[in-house]
Amino acid sequence: AEKNPDLAKTLDSEFASIQALLAKYKQADGTFTSY
């Protein structure tokens, strides 16, 4: 983040997005939707 703040901002955003996408497929018991 010190050397490339724009990269860090992008990575923060992209990790948040992919985690949010995965969360949609997570069941109440902690398992995921069968692929």
PDB file of all heavy atoms in Angstrom:
ATOM      1  N   ALA A   1       0.826  -1.215   0.000  1.00  0.00           N
ATOM      2  CA  ALA A   1       0.000   0.000   0.000  1.00  0.00           C
ATOM      3  C   ALA A   1       0.853   1.255   0.000  1.00  0.00           C
ATOM      4  O   ALA A   1       0.472   2.292  -0.568  1.00  0.00           O
ATOM      5  CB  ALA A   1      -0.924   0.003   1.204  1.00  0.00           C
ATOM      6  N   GLU A   2       2.013   1.171   0.609  1.00  0.00           N
ATOM      7  CA  GLU A   2       2.929   2.319   0.624  1.00  0.00           C
ATOM      8  C   GLU A   2       3.552   2.537  -0.746  1.00  0.00           C
ATOM      9  O   GLU A   2       3.674   3.668  -1.211  1.00  0.00           O
ATOM     10  CB  GLU A   2       4.023   2.077   1.660  1.00  0.00           C
ATOM     11  CG  GLU A   2       5.046   3.188   1.767  1.00  0.00           C
ATOM     12  CD  GLU A   2       6.112   2.859   2.794  1.00  0.00           C
ATOM     13  OE1 GLU A   2       5.794   2.886   4.001  1.00  0.00           O
ATOM     14  OE2 GLU A   2       7.255   2.540   2.395  1.00  0.00           O
ATOM     15  N   LYS A   3       3.931   1.469  -1.404  1.00  0.00           N
ATOM     16  CA  LYS A   3       4.604   1.577  -2.698  1.00  0.00           C
ATOM     17  C   LYS A   3       3.637   1.748  -3.859  1.00  0.00           C
ATOM     18  O   LYS A   3       3.976   2.377  -4.863  1.00  0.00           O
ATOM     19  CB  LYS A   3       5.467   0.334  -2.930  1.00  0.00           C
ATOM     20  CG  LYS A   3       6.647   0.235  -1.974  1.00  0.00           C
ATOM     21  CD  LYS A   3       7.573  -0.894  -2.412  1.00  0.00           C
ATOM     22  CE  LYS A   3       8.830  -0.893  -1.560  1.00  0.00           C
ATOM     23  NZ  LYS A   3       9.797  -1.894  -2.015  1.00  0.00           N
ATOM     24  N   ASN A   4       2.455   1.149  -3.734  1.00  0.00           N
ATOM     25  CA  ASN A   4       1.486   1.201  -4.824  1.00  0.00           C
ATOM     26  C   ASN A   4       0.081   1.289  -4.227  1.00  0.00           C
ATOM     27  O   ASN A   4      -0.654   0.308  -4.203  1.00  0.00           O
ATOM     28  CB  ASN A   4       1.624  -0.036  -5.711  1.00  0.00           C
ATOM     29  CG  ASN A   4       0.873   0.098  -7.026  1.00  0.00           C
ATOM     30  OD1 ASN A   4      -0.074   0.877  -7.117  1.00  0.00           O
ATOM     31  ND2 ASN A   4       1.277  -0.660  -8.030  1.00  0.00           N
ATOM     32  N   PRO A   5      -0.289   2.473  -3.736  1.00  0.00           N
ATOM     33  CA  PRO A   5      -1.588   2.611  -3.060  1.00  0.00           C
ATOM     34  C   PRO A   5      -2.779   2.279  -3.950  1.00  0.00           C
ATOM     35  O   PRO A   5      -3.779   1.741  -3.473  1.00  0.00           O
ATOM     36  CB  PRO A   5      -1.613   4.075  -2.612  1.00  0.00           C
ATOM     37  CG  PRO A   5      -0.556   4.763  -3.430  1.00  0.00           C
ATOM     38  CD  PRO A   5       0.481   3.736  -3.704  1.00  0.00           C
ATOM     39  N   ASP A   6      -2.677   2.573  -5.235  1.00  0.00           N
ATOM     40  CA  ASP A   6      -3.789   2.265  -6.137  1.00  0.00           C
ATOM     41  C   ASP A   6      -3.989   0.751  -6.250  1.00  0.00           C
ATOM     42  O   ASP A   6      -5.130   0.266  -6.308  1.00  0.00           O
ATOM     43  CB  ASP A   6      -3.543   2.861  -7.526  1.00  0.00           C
ATOM     44  CG  ASP A   6      -3.676   4.380  -7.529  1.00  0.00           C
ATOM     45  OD1 ASP A   6      -4.298   4.921  -6.601  1.00  0.00           O
ATOM     46  OD2 ASP A   6      -3.137   5.016  -8.461  1.00  0.00           O
ATOM     47  N   LEU A   7      -2.881   0.016  -6.300  1.00  0.00           N
ATOM     48  CA  LEU A   7      -2.977  -1.441  -6.363  1.00  0.00           C
ATOM     49  C   LEU A   7      -3.658  -1.980  -5.110  1.00  0.00           C
ATOM     50  O   LEU A   7      -4.534  -2.850  -5.195  1.00  0.00           O
ATOM     51  CB  LEU A   7      -1.582  -2.056  -6.507  1.00  0.00           C
ATOM     52  CG  LEU A   7      -1.525  -3.591  -6.490  1.00  0.00           C
ATOM     53  CD1 LEU A   7      -2.267  -4.174  -7.677  1.00  0.00           C
ATOM     54  CD2 LEU A   7      -0.077  -4.077  -6.464  1.00  0.00           C
ATOM     55  N   ALA A   8      -3.268  -1.469  -3.940  1.00  0.00           N
ATOM     56  CA  ALA A   8      -3.859  -1.938  -2.690  1.00  0.00           C
ATOM     57  C   ALA A   8      -5.357  -1.654  -2.653  1.00  0.00           C
ATOM     58  O   ALA A   8      -6.150  -2.494  -2.221  1.00  0.00           O
ATOM     59  CB  ALA A   8      -3.160  -1.282  -1.500  1.00  0.00           C
ATOM     60  N   LYS A   9      -5.755  -0.486  -3.111  1.00  0.00           N
ATOM     61  CA  LYS A   9      -7.187  -0.154  -3.140  1.00  0.00           C
ATOM     62  C   LYS A   9      -7.949  -1.113  -4.058  1.00  0.00           C
ATOM     63  O   LYS A   9      -9.051  -1.567  -3.728  1.00  0.00           O
ATOM     64  CB  LYS A   9      -7.378   1.283  -3.607  1.00  0.00           C
ATOM     65  CG  LYS A   9      -6.937   2.329  -2.601  1.00  0.00           C
ATOM     66  CD  LYS A   9      -7.108   3.739  -3.170  1.00  0.00           C
ATOM     67  CE  LYS A   9      -6.614   4.789  -2.185  1.00  0.00           C
ATOM     68  NZ  LYS A   9      -6.716   6.167  -2.747  1.00  0.00           N
ATOM     69  N   THR A  10      -7.355  -1.400  -5.207  1.00  0.00           N
ATOM     70  CA  THR A  10      -8.005  -2.316  -6.138  1.00  0.00           C
ATOM     71  C   THR A  10      -8.127  -3.712  -5.542  1.00  0.00           C
ATOM     72  O   THR A  10      -9.187  -4.356  -5.638  1.00  0.00           O
ATOM     73  CB  THR A  10      -7.212  -2.382  -7.454  1.00  0.00           C
ATOM     74  OG1 THR A  10      -7.196  -1.085  -8.058  1.00  0.00           O
ATOM     75  CG2 THR A  10      -7.832  -3.375  -8.429  1.00  0.00           C
ATOM     76  N   LEU A  11      -7.063  -4.187  -4.915  1.00  0.00           N
ATOM     77  CA  LEU A  11      -7.093  -5.517  -4.323  1.00  0.00           C
ATOM     78  C   LEU A  11      -8.099  -5.594  -3.178  1.00  0.00           C
ATOM     79  O   LEU A  11      -8.824  -6.591  -3.045  1.00  0.00           O
ATOM     80  CB  LEU A  11      -5.699  -5.919  -3.842  1.00  0.00           C
ATOM     81  CG  LEU A  11      -4.705  -6.263  -4.953  1.00  0.00           C
ATOM     82  CD1 LEU A  11      -3.301  -6.439  -4.390  1.00  0.00           C
ATOM     83  CD2 LEU A  11      -5.137  -7.517  -5.699  1.00  0.00           C
ATOM     84  N   ASP A  12      -8.161  -4.555  -2.369  1.00  0.00           N
ATOM     85  CA  ASP A  12      -9.165  -4.529  -1.298  1.00  0.00           C
ATOM     86  C   ASP A  12     -10.568  -4.688  -1.880  1.00  0.00           C
ATOM     87  O   ASP A  12     -11.385  -5.471  -1.381  1.00  0.00           O
ATOM     88  CB  ASP A  12      -9.083  -3.207  -0.524  1.00  0.00           C
ATOM     89  CG  ASP A  12      -7.872  -3.126   0.393  1.00  0.00           C
ATOM     90  OD1 ASP A  12      -7.276  -4.183   0.699  1.00  0.00           O
ATOM     91  OD2 ASP A  12      -7.518  -2.005   0.797  1.00  0.00           O
ATOM     92  N   SER A  13     -10.823  -3.953  -2.926  1.00  0.00           N
ATOM     93  CA  SER A  13     -12.148  -3.974  -3.550  1.00  0.00           C
ATOM     94  C   SER A  13     -12.446  -5.325  -4.188  1.00  0.00           C
ATOM     95  O   SER A  13     -13.549  -5.874  -4.030  1.00  0.00           O
ATOM     96  CB  SER A  13     -12.248  -2.863  -4.598  1.00  0.00           C
ATOM     97  OG  SER A  13     -13.476  -2.911  -5.282  1.00  0.00           O
ATOM     98  N   GLU A  14     -11.481  -5.877  -4.906  1.00  0.00           N
ATOM     99  CA  GLU A  14     -11.708  -7.135  -5.607  1.00  0.00           C
ATOM    100  C   GLU A  14     -11.854  -8.309  -4.639  1.00  0.00           C
ATOM    101  O   GLU A  14     -12.685  -9.202  -4.864  1.00  0.00           O
ATOM    102  CB  GLU A  14     -10.583  -7.397  -6.600  1.00  0.00           C
ATOM    103  CG  GLU A  14     -10.506  -6.393  -7.748  1.00  0.00           C
ATOM    104  CD  GLU A  14     -11.737  -6.410  -8.642  1.00  0.00           C
ATOM    105  OE1 GLU A  14     -12.501  -7.409  -8.592  1.00  0.00           O
ATOM    106  OE2 GLU A  14     -11.945  -5.436  -9.369  1.00  0.00           O
ATOM    107  N   PHE A  15     -11.072  -8.314  -3.573  1.00  0.00           N
ATOM    108  CA  PHE A  15     -11.235  -9.380  -2.581  1.00  0.00           C
ATOM    109  C   PHE A  15     -12.617  -9.287  -1.929  1.00  0.00           C
ATOM    110  O   PHE A  15     -13.280 -10.310  -1.710  1.00  0.00           O
ATOM    111  CB  PHE A  15     -10.148  -9.305  -1.509  1.00  0.00           C
ATOM    112  CG  PHE A  15      -8.920 -10.111  -1.833  1.00  0.00           C
ATOM    113  CD1 PHE A  15      -7.690  -9.491  -2.011  1.00  0.00           C
ATOM    114  CD2 PHE A  15      -8.984 -11.501  -1.944  1.00  0.00           C
ATOM    115  CE1 PHE A  15      -6.550 -10.237  -2.305  1.00  0.00           C
ATOM    116  CE2 PHE A  15      -7.847 -12.247  -2.242  1.00  0.00           C
ATOM    117  CZ  PHE A  15      -6.630 -11.609  -2.421  1.00  0.00           C
ATOM    118  N   ALA A  16     -13.053  -8.071  -1.619  1.00  0.00           N
ATOM    119  CA  ALA A  16     -14.377  -7.899  -1.024  1.00  0.00           C
ATOM    120  C   ALA A  16     -15.467  -8.395  -1.972  1.00  0.00           C
ATOM    121  O   ALA A  16     -16.436  -9.045  -1.544  1.00  0.00           O
ATOM    122  CB  ALA A  16     -14.607  -6.429  -0.666  1.00  0.00           C
ATOM    123  N   SER A  17     -15.310  -8.128  -3.260  1.00  0.00           N
ATOM    124  CA  SER A  17     -16.312  -8.537  -4.247  1.00  0.00           C
ATOM    125  C   SER A  17     -16.408 -10.047  -4.359  1.00  0.00           C
ATOM    126  O   SER A  17     -17.502 -10.625  -4.401  1.00  0.00           O
ATOM    127  CB  SER A  17     -15.980  -7.929  -5.611  1.00  0.00           C
ATOM    128  OG  SER A  17     -16.102  -6.519  -5.577  1.00  0.00           O
ATOM    129  N   ILE A  18     -15.259 -10.717  -4.420  1.00  0.00           N
ATOM    130  CA  ILE A  18     -15.292 -12.170  -4.601  1.00  0.00           C
ATOM    131  C   ILE A  18     -15.774 -12.869  -3.330  1.00  0.00           C
ATOM    132  O   ILE A  18     -16.476 -13.886  -3.388  1.00  0.00           O
ATOM    133  CB  ILE A  18     -13.909 -12.690  -5.071  1.00  0.00           C
ATOM    134  CG1 ILE A  18     -14.081 -14.037  -5.799  1.00  0.00           C
ATOM    135  CG2 ILE A  18     -12.930 -12.826  -3.918  1.00  0.00           C
ATOM    136  CD1 ILE A  18     -12.843 -14.450  -6.580  1.00  0.00           C
ATOM    137  N   GLN A  19     -15.454 -12.297  -2.173  1.00  0.00           N
ATOM    138  CA  GLN A  19     -15.965 -12.866  -0.931  1.00  0.00           C
ATOM    139  C   GLN A  19     -17.477 -12.706  -0.840  1.00  0.00           C
ATOM    140  O   GLN A  19     -18.190 -13.617  -0.380  1.00  0.00           O
ATOM    141  CB  GLN A  19     -15.278 -12.200   0.278  1.00  0.00           C
ATOM    142  CG  GLN A  19     -13.811 -12.538   0.448  1.00  0.00           C
ATOM    143  CD  GLN A  19     -13.577 -13.939   0.994  1.00  0.00           C
ATOM    144  OE1 GLN A  19     -14.447 -14.808   0.943  1.00  0.00           O
ATOM    145  NE2 GLN A  19     -12.377 -14.175   1.514  1.00  0.00           N
ATOM    146  N   ALA A  20     -17.974 -11.555  -1.295  1.00  0.00           N
ATOM    147  CA  ALA A  20     -19.423 -11.335  -1.290  1.00  0.00           C
ATOM    148  C   ALA A  20     -20.126 -12.312  -2.231  1.00  0.00           C
ATOM    149  O   ALA A  20     -21.222 -12.815  -1.932  1.00  0.00           O
ATOM    150  CB  ALA A  20     -19.736  -9.899  -1.688  1.00  0.00           C
ATOM    151  N   LEU A  21     -19.503 -12.601  -3.368  1.00  0.00           N
ATOM    152  CA  LEU A  21     -20.073 -13.552  -4.315  1.00  0.00           C
ATOM    153  C   LEU A  21     -20.130 -14.946  -3.706  1.00  0.00           C
ATOM    154  O   LEU A  21     -21.146 -15.646  -3.797  1.00  0.00           O
ATOM    155  CB  LEU A  21     -19.240 -13.555  -5.595  1.00  0.00           C
ATOM    156  CG  LEU A  21     -19.680 -14.519  -6.702  1.00  0.00           C
ATOM    157  CD1 LEU A  21     -21.105 -14.225  -7.155  1.00  0.00           C
ATOM    158  CD2 LEU A  21     -18.712 -14.422  -7.892  1.00  0.00           C
ATOM    159  N   LEU A  22     -19.051 -15.371  -3.059  1.00  0.00           N
ATOM    160  CA  LEU A  22     -19.029 -16.689  -2.434  1.00  0.00           C
ATOM    161  C   LEU A  22     -20.055 -16.791  -1.314  1.00  0.00           C
ATOM    162  O   LEU A  22     -20.676 -17.849  -1.121  1.00  0.00           O
ATOM    163  CB  LEU A  22     -17.625 -16.976  -1.880  1.00  0.00           C
ATOM    164  CG  LEU A  22     -16.583 -17.426  -2.903  1.00  0.00           C
ATOM    165  CD1 LEU A  22     -15.177 -17.274  -2.336  1.00  0.00           C
ATOM    166  CD2 LEU A  22     -16.836 -18.874  -3.311  1.00  0.00           C
ATOM    167  N   ALA A  23     -20.245 -15.694  -0.594  1.00  0.00           N
ATOM    168  CA  ALA A  23     -21.187 -15.709   0.533  1.00  0.00           C
ATOM    169  C   ALA A  23     -22.605 -16.046   0.084  1.00  0.00           C
ATOM    170  O   ALA A  23     -23.392 -16.625   0.853  1.00  0.00           O
ATOM    171  CB  ALA A  23     -21.166 -14.355   1.248  1.00  0.00           C
ATOM    172  N   LYS A  24     -22.942 -15.723  -1.153  1.00  0.00           N
ATOM    173  CA  LYS A  24     -24.288 -16.006  -1.673  1.00  0.00           C
ATOM    174  C   LYS A  24     -24.548 -17.513  -1.785  1.00  0.00           C
ATOM    175  O   LYS A  24     -25.711 -17.938  -1.838  1.00  0.00           O
ATOM    176  CB  LYS A  24     -24.464 -15.362  -3.043  1.00  0.00           C
ATOM    177  CG  LYS A  24     -24.432 -13.837  -3.025  1.00  0.00           C
ATOM    178  CD  LYS A  24     -24.568 -13.282  -4.441  1.00  0.00           C
ATOM    179  CE  LYS A  24     -24.519 -11.764  -4.444  1.00  0.00           C
ATOM    180  NZ  LYS A  24     -24.632 -11.208  -5.825  1.00  0.00           N
ATOM    181  N   TYR A  25     -23.480 -18.285  -1.831  1.00  0.00           N
ATOM    182  CA  TYR A  25     -23.621 -19.728  -2.019  1.00  0.00           C
ATOM    183  C   TYR A  25     -23.335 -20.512  -0.739  1.00  0.00           C
ATOM    184  O   TYR A  25     -23.311 -21.735  -0.763  1.00  0.00           O
ATOM    185  CB  TYR A  25     -22.688 -20.196  -3.133  1.00  0.00           C
ATOM    186  CG  TYR A  25     -23.081 -19.639  -4.482  1.00  0.00           C
ATOM    187  CD1 TYR A  25     -22.690 -18.365  -4.877  1.00  0.00           C
ATOM    188  CD2 TYR A  25     -23.879 -20.379  -5.348  1.00  0.00           C
ATOM    189  CE1 TYR A  25     -23.067 -17.828  -6.104  1.00  0.00           C
ATOM    190  CE2 TYR A  25     -24.263 -19.860  -6.582  1.00  0.00           C
ATOM    191  CZ  TYR A  25     -23.849 -18.584  -6.941  1.00  0.00           C
ATOM    192  OH  TYR A  25     -24.239 -18.064  -8.161  1.00  0.00           O
ATOM    193  N   LYS A  26     -23.138 -19.791   0.354  1.00  0.00           N
ATOM    194  CA  LYS A  26     -22.851 -20.456   1.622  1.00  0.00           C
ATOM    195  C   LYS A  26     -24.150 -20.718   2.370  1.00  0.00           C
ATOM    196  O   LYS A  26     -24.986 -19.838   2.517  1.00  0.00           O
ATOM    197  CB  LYS A  26     -21.906 -19.618   2.475  1.00  0.00           C
ATOM    198  CG  LYS A  26     -21.258 -20.399   3.609  1.00  0.00           C
ATOM    199  CD  LYS A  26     -20.061 -19.660   4.176  1.00  0.00           C
ATOM    200  CE  LYS A  26     -19.290 -20.532   5.154  1.00  0.00           C
ATOM    201  NZ  LYS A  26     -18.097 -19.848   5.693  1.00  0.00           N
ATOM    202  N   GLN A  27     -24.304 -21.952   2.833  1.00  0.00           N
ATOM    203  CA  GLN A  27     -25.521 -22.363   3.512  1.00  0.00           C
ATOM    204  C   GLN A  27     -25.438 -22.068   5.007  1.00  0.00           C
ATOM    205  O   GLN A  27     -24.373 -21.768   5.546  1.00  0.00           O
ATOM    206  CB  GLN A  27     -25.749 -23.864   3.298  1.00  0.00           C
ATOM    207  CG  GLN A  27     -25.636 -24.316   1.854  1.00  0.00           C
ATOM    208  CD  GLN A  27     -26.614 -23.609   0.938  1.00  0.00           C
ATOM    209  OE1 GLN A  27     -27.811 -23.573   1.201  1.00  0.00           O
ATOM    210  NE2 GLN A  27     -26.104 -23.047  -0.151  1.00  0.00           N
ATOM    211  N   ALA A  28     -26.579 -22.176   5.678  1.00  0.00           N
ATOM    212  CA  ALA A  28     -26.645 -21.875   7.112  1.00  0.00           C
ATOM    213  C   ALA A  28     -25.729 -22.783   7.931  1.00  0.00           C
ATOM    214  O   ALA A  28     -25.219 -22.379   8.977  1.00  0.00           O
ATOM    215  CB  ALA A  28     -28.087 -22.010   7.596  1.00  0.00           C
ATOM    216  N   ASP A  29     -25.507 -24.013   7.449  1.00  0.00           N
ATOM    217  CA  ASP A  29     -24.657 -24.943   8.197  1.00  0.00           C
ATOM    218  C   ASP A  29     -23.176 -24.790   7.875  1.00  0.00           C
ATOM    219  O   ASP A  29     -22.341 -25.578   8.342  1.00  0.00           O
ATOM    220  CB  ASP A  29     -25.094 -26.383   7.935  1.00  0.00           C
ATOM    221  CG  ASP A  29     -24.954 -26.794   6.470  1.00  0.00           C
ATOM    222  OD1 ASP A  29     -24.547 -25.951   5.646  1.00  0.00           O
ATOM    223  OD2 ASP A  29     -25.247 -27.971   6.147  1.00  0.00           O
ATOM    224  N   GLY A  30     -22.836 -23.782   7.073  1.00  0.00           N
ATOM    225  CA  GLY A  30     -21.440 -23.523   6.740  1.00  0.00           C
ATOM    226  C   GLY A  30     -20.960 -24.198   5.476  1.00  0.00           C
ATOM    227  O   GLY A  30     -19.850 -23.912   5.006  1.00  0.00           O
ATOM    228  N   THR A  31     -21.747 -25.098   4.920  1.00  0.00           N
ATOM    229  CA  THR A  31     -21.373 -25.745   3.663  1.00  0.00           C
ATOM    230  C   THR A  31     -21.743 -24.841   2.482  1.00  0.00           C
ATOM    231  O   THR A  31     -22.469 -23.856   2.642  1.00  0.00           O
ATOM    232  CB  THR A  31     -22.075 -27.100   3.506  1.00  0.00           C
ATOM    233  OG1 THR A  31     -23.492 -26.889   3.461  1.00  0.00           O
ATOM    234  CG2 THR A  31     -21.733 -28.018   4.673  1.00  0.00           C
ATOM    235  N   PHE A  32     -21.252 -25.206   1.312  1.00  0.00           N
ATOM    236  CA  PHE A  32     -21.543 -24.444   0.109  1.00  0.00           C
ATOM    237  C   PHE A  32     -22.482 -25.220  -0.806  1.00  0.00           C
ATOM    238  O   PHE A  32     -22.561 -26.454  -0.746  1.00  0.00           O
ATOM    239  CB  PHE A  32     -20.253 -24.122  -0.652  1.00  0.00           C
ATOM    240  CG  PHE A  32     -19.446 -23.011  -0.037  1.00  0.00           C
ATOM    241  CD1 PHE A  32     -18.505 -23.273   0.940  1.00  0.00           C
ATOM    242  CD2 PHE A  32     -19.645 -21.689  -0.431  1.00  0.00           C
ATOM    243  CE1 PHE A  32     -17.764 -22.257   1.517  1.00  0.00           C
ATOM    244  CE2 PHE A  32     -18.912 -20.659   0.134  1.00  0.00           C
ATOM    245  CZ  PHE A  32     -17.972 -20.943   1.110  1.00  0.00           C
ATOM    246  N   THR A  33     -23.165 -24.479  -1.663  1.00  0.00           N
ATOM    247  CA  THR A  33     -24.019 -25.082  -2.681  1.00  0.00           C
ATOM    248  C   THR A  33     -23.219 -26.092  -3.500  1.00  0.00           C
ATOM    249  O   THR A  33     -22.076 -25.837  -3.878  1.00  0.00           O
ATOM    250  CB  THR A  33     -24.578 -24.001  -3.620  1.00  0.00           C
ATOM    251  OG1 THR A  33     -25.340 -23.079  -2.857  1.00  0.00           O
ATOM    252  CG2 THR A  33     -25.452 -24.606  -4.708  1.00  0.00           C
ATOM    253  N   SER A  34     -23.812 -27.249  -3.755  1.00  0.00           N
ATOM    254  CA  SER A  34     -23.154 -28.249  -4.588  1.00  0.00           C
ATOM    255  C   SER A  34     -22.892 -27.635  -5.962  1.00  0.00           C
ATOM    256  O   SER A  34     -23.775 -27.031  -6.570  1.00  0.00           O
ATOM    257  CB  SER A  34     -24.039 -29.485  -4.720  1.00  0.00           C
ATOM    258  OG  SER A  34     -23.414 -30.474  -5.489  1.00  0.00           O
ATOM    259  N   TYR A  35     -21.682 -27.809  -6.464  1.00  0.00           N
ATOM    260  CA  TYR A  35     -21.289 -27.094  -7.677  1.00  0.00           C
ATOM    261  C   TYR A  35     -22.049 -27.563  -8.907  1.00  0.00           C
ATOM    262  O   TYR A  35     -22.182 -26.814  -9.888  1.00  0.00           O
ATOM    263  CB  TYR A  35     -19.785 -27.222  -7.901  1.00  0.00           C
ATOM    264  CG  TYR A  35     -19.226 -26.163  -8.819  1.00  0.00           C
ATOM    265  CD1 TYR A  35     -19.398 -24.808  -8.543  1.00  0.00           C
ATOM    266  CD2 TYR A  35     -18.523 -26.514  -9.963  1.00  0.00           C
ATOM    267  CE1 TYR A  35     -18.886 -23.830  -9.384  1.00  0.00           C
ATOM    268  CE2 TYR A  35     -18.003 -25.541 -10.806  1.00  0.00           C
ATOM    269  CZ  TYR A  35     -18.187 -24.208 -10.512  1.00  0.00           C
ATOM    270  OH  TYR A  35     -17.683 -23.240 -11.353  1.00  0.00           O
TER     271      TYR A  35
END
